[in-house]
Protein backbone atom coordinates (compact mmCIF):
# COMPACT_ATOMS: atom_id res chain seq x y z
CA UNK A 1 4.45 -7.87 -7.04
CA UNK A 2 6.82 -9.10 -4.33
CA UNK A 3 8.12 -6.59 -1.77
CA UNK A 4 10.95 -7.54 0.59
CA UNK A 5 11.99 -5.70 3.77
CA UNK A 6 15.16 -6.64 5.63
CA UNK A 7 16.23 -5.27 9.01
CA UNK A 8 18.92 -5.95 11.57
CA UNK A 9 19.44 -4.32 14.94
CA UNK A 10 22.99 -3.21 15.71
CA UNK A 11 23.97 -3.42 19.37
CA UNK A 12 26.70 -1.37 21.09
CA UNK A 13 28.98 -4.42 21.34
CA UNK A 14 28.72 -5.14 17.58
CA UNK A 15 30.77 -3.71 14.73
CA UNK A 16 28.21 -2.12 12.41
CA UNK A 17 30.37 -2.88 9.36
CA UNK A 18 30.23 -6.59 10.21
CA UNK A 19 26.44 -6.47 10.50
CA UNK A 20 26.29 -4.69 7.12
CA UNK A 21 28.53 -7.41 5.65
CA UNK A 22 26.32 -10.12 7.16
CA UNK A 23 23.14 -8.70 5.62
CA UNK A 24 24.82 -7.92 2.29
CA UNK A 25 26.22 -11.44 2.00
CA UNK A 26 22.68 -12.88 1.86
CA UNK A 27 20.79 -10.24 -0.14
CA UNK A 28 21.70 -9.18 -3.68
CA UNK A 29 22.65 -5.52 -4.10
CA UNK A 30 20.70 -4.44 -1.01
CA UNK A 31 21.13 -0.83 0.00
CA UNK A 32 20.98 -0.42 3.75
CA UNK A 33 20.12 2.73 5.63
CA UNK A 34 20.59 3.44 9.29
CA UNK A 35 17.54 4.28 11.38
CA UNK A 36 17.59 5.46 14.98
CA UNK A 37 15.59 3.47 17.52
CA UNK A 38 13.30 5.20 19.95
CA UNK A 39 13.45 3.62 23.38
CA UNK A 40 10.19 3.84 25.33
CA UNK A 41 9.42 2.86 28.90
CA UNK A 42 11.83 1.29 31.35
CA UNK A 43 13.46 -1.48 29.38
CA UNK A 44 15.98 -3.76 30.97
CA UNK A 45 19.09 -5.14 29.36
CA UNK A 46 21.09 -3.74 26.48
CA UNK A 47 19.18 -1.94 23.76
CA UNK A 48 20.24 -1.75 20.10
CA UNK A 49 22.10 1.37 19.00
CA UNK A 50 20.23 1.56 15.68
CA UNK A 51 18.56 -0.49 12.94
CA UNK A 52 19.86 -1.26 9.48
CA UNK A 53 16.98 -1.32 6.98
CA UNK A 54 16.81 -2.29 3.34
CA UNK A 55 14.06 -3.13 0.92
CA UNK A 56 13.42 -4.10 -2.65
CA UNK A 57 11.75 -6.56 -4.93
CA UNK A 58 12.22 -10.25 -5.51
CA UNK A 59 15.60 -9.57 -7.14
CA UNK A 60 17.24 -8.97 -3.74
CA UNK A 61 16.41 -12.61 -2.85
CA UNK A 62 18.56 -14.00 -5.69
CA UNK A 63 21.66 -14.54 -3.53
CA UNK A 64 19.65 -16.10 -0.70
CA UNK A 65 18.00 -18.42 -3.26
CA UNK A 66 21.40 -19.70 -4.38
CA UNK A 67 22.86 -20.01 -0.89
CA UNK A 68 19.92 -22.06 0.36
CA UNK A 69 20.60 -24.52 -2.46
CA UNK A 70 24.38 -24.49 -2.00
CA UNK A 71 23.98 -25.34 1.69
CA UNK A 72 21.24 -27.89 0.86
CA UNK A 73 18.88 -26.47 3.49
CA UNK A 74 15.69 -25.93 1.47
CA UNK A 75 13.65 -28.25 3.70
CA UNK A 76 15.11 -26.86 6.90
CA UNK A 77 14.41 -23.23 5.98
CA UNK A 78 10.91 -24.05 4.72
CA UNK A 79 10.06 -26.05 7.85
CA UNK A 80 11.60 -23.71 10.43
CA UNK A 81 10.79 -20.33 8.92
CA UNK A 82 7.97 -20.42 6.43
CA UNK A 83 5.71 -22.92 8.16
CA UNK A 84 5.44 -20.63 11.21
CA UNK A 85 5.87 -17.20 9.62
CA UNK A 86 3.08 -17.14 7.02
CA UNK A 87 0.35 -14.62 7.81
CA UNK A 88 -3.24 -15.75 8.22
CA UNK A 89 -4.24 -14.06 4.94
CA UNK A 90 -1.38 -15.77 3.08
CA UNK A 91 -0.03 -12.45 1.74
CA UNK A 92 3.12 -12.11 3.84
CA UNK A 93 5.77 -14.19 5.50
CA UNK A 94 8.21 -13.22 8.26
CA UNK A 95 11.33 -15.11 9.25
CA UNK A 96 14.73 -14.58 10.85
CA UNK A 97 18.26 -15.49 9.87
CA UNK A 98 21.29 -15.72 12.14
CA UNK A 99 23.67 -12.72 11.87
CA UNK A 100 26.82 -14.66 12.75
CA UNK A 101 26.22 -17.35 10.13
CA UNK A 102 25.27 -14.70 7.56
CA UNK A 103 28.60 -12.96 8.14
CA UNK A 104 30.31 -15.97 6.54
CA UNK A 105 27.68 -16.28 3.79
CA UNK A 106 25.58 -19.06 5.29
CA UNK A 107 21.83 -18.69 5.71
CA UNK A 108 20.73 -20.22 9.00
CA UNK A 109 17.39 -20.02 10.80
CA UNK A 110 17.96 -19.58 14.55
CA UNK A 111 16.28 -22.14 16.80
CA UNK A 112 15.27 -19.44 19.30
CA UNK A 113 15.46 -15.70 19.87
CA UNK A 114 19.07 -14.53 19.77
CA UNK A 115 20.56 -12.21 22.41
CA UNK A 116 21.87 -9.73 19.81
CA UNK A 117 18.94 -10.16 17.48
CA UNK A 118 18.72 -11.67 14.05
CA UNK A 119 18.30 -10.48 10.51
CA UNK A 120 14.53 -10.05 10.13
CA UNK A 121 12.88 -10.54 6.71
CA UNK A 122 9.32 -9.68 5.72
CA UNK A 123 8.10 -10.65 2.26
CA UNK A 124 4.74 -9.41 0.97
CA UNK A 125 2.85 -10.50 -2.14
CA UNK A 126 -0.14 -9.02 -3.95
CA UNK A 127 -2.02 -12.34 -3.92
CA UNK A 128 -1.95 -15.77 -2.33
CA UNK A 129 -1.15 -17.24 -5.75
CA UNK A 130 1.90 -15.01 -6.03
CA UNK A 131 3.03 -16.05 -2.53
CA UNK A 132 2.62 -19.71 -3.51
CA UNK A 133 4.76 -19.10 -6.62
CA UNK A 134 7.37 -17.41 -4.40
CA UNK A 135 7.53 -20.58 -2.27
CA UNK A 136 7.83 -22.69 -5.44
CA UNK A 137 10.81 -20.57 -6.52
CA UNK A 138 12.60 -19.91 -3.21
CA UNK A 139 11.77 -23.09 -1.26
CA UNK A 140 10.39 -25.74 -3.61
CA UNK A 141 9.30 -29.19 -2.58
CA UNK A 142 12.20 -31.61 -2.55
CA UNK A 143 13.05 -35.27 -2.81
CA UNK A 144 16.14 -36.36 -0.90
CA UNK A 145 16.99 -32.69 -0.36
CA UNK A 146 16.96 -31.74 -4.06
CA UNK A 147 14.23 -29.61 -5.67
CA UNK A 148 11.63 -31.67 -7.53
CA UNK A 149 11.13 -28.79 -9.98
CA UNK A 150 13.10 -25.55 -10.32
CA UNK A 151 11.25 -22.51 -11.63
CA UNK A 152 12.74 -19.22 -12.76
CA UNK A 153 12.40 -16.00 -10.78
CA UNK A 154 10.14 -14.41 -13.43
CA UNK A 155 7.60 -17.20 -12.76
CA UNK A 156 6.80 -15.62 -9.38
CA UNK A 157 5.48 -12.29 -10.63
CA UNK A 158 3.82 -13.48 -13.81
CA UNK A 159 0.36 -12.14 -14.62
């Protein structure tokens, strides 16, 4: 089974409703909750006011799936995010998406750490095979930017 966690820090200079809109524009029917952040030690700079957290199954990735295709960035997202974010055991992947681009419904992987943070995504699978099927569905191999083969979402969690 696929489990997806999404989080975004909200800073004092940001409008929390805009951050909610940014996250919601990429993830299908995600319900976000606000979580306070505990500040420890003597940190410098501006700290986030709170975190927005949401989680669910593969179904919350449906919108992101479509947007990646609409923007024709399958290769870019796979190369920038998934090639570096896959865990050593192959059971989870972590990647970030830009909050400002998400606000206008565009998934974009930031080139570097962003001053006001990004939208952080963690996807976990029960097996390496399931994670491989997730890649085949979300970020398939392409030729000239178009998927070689498109599989349905139910292919990912098949027995």
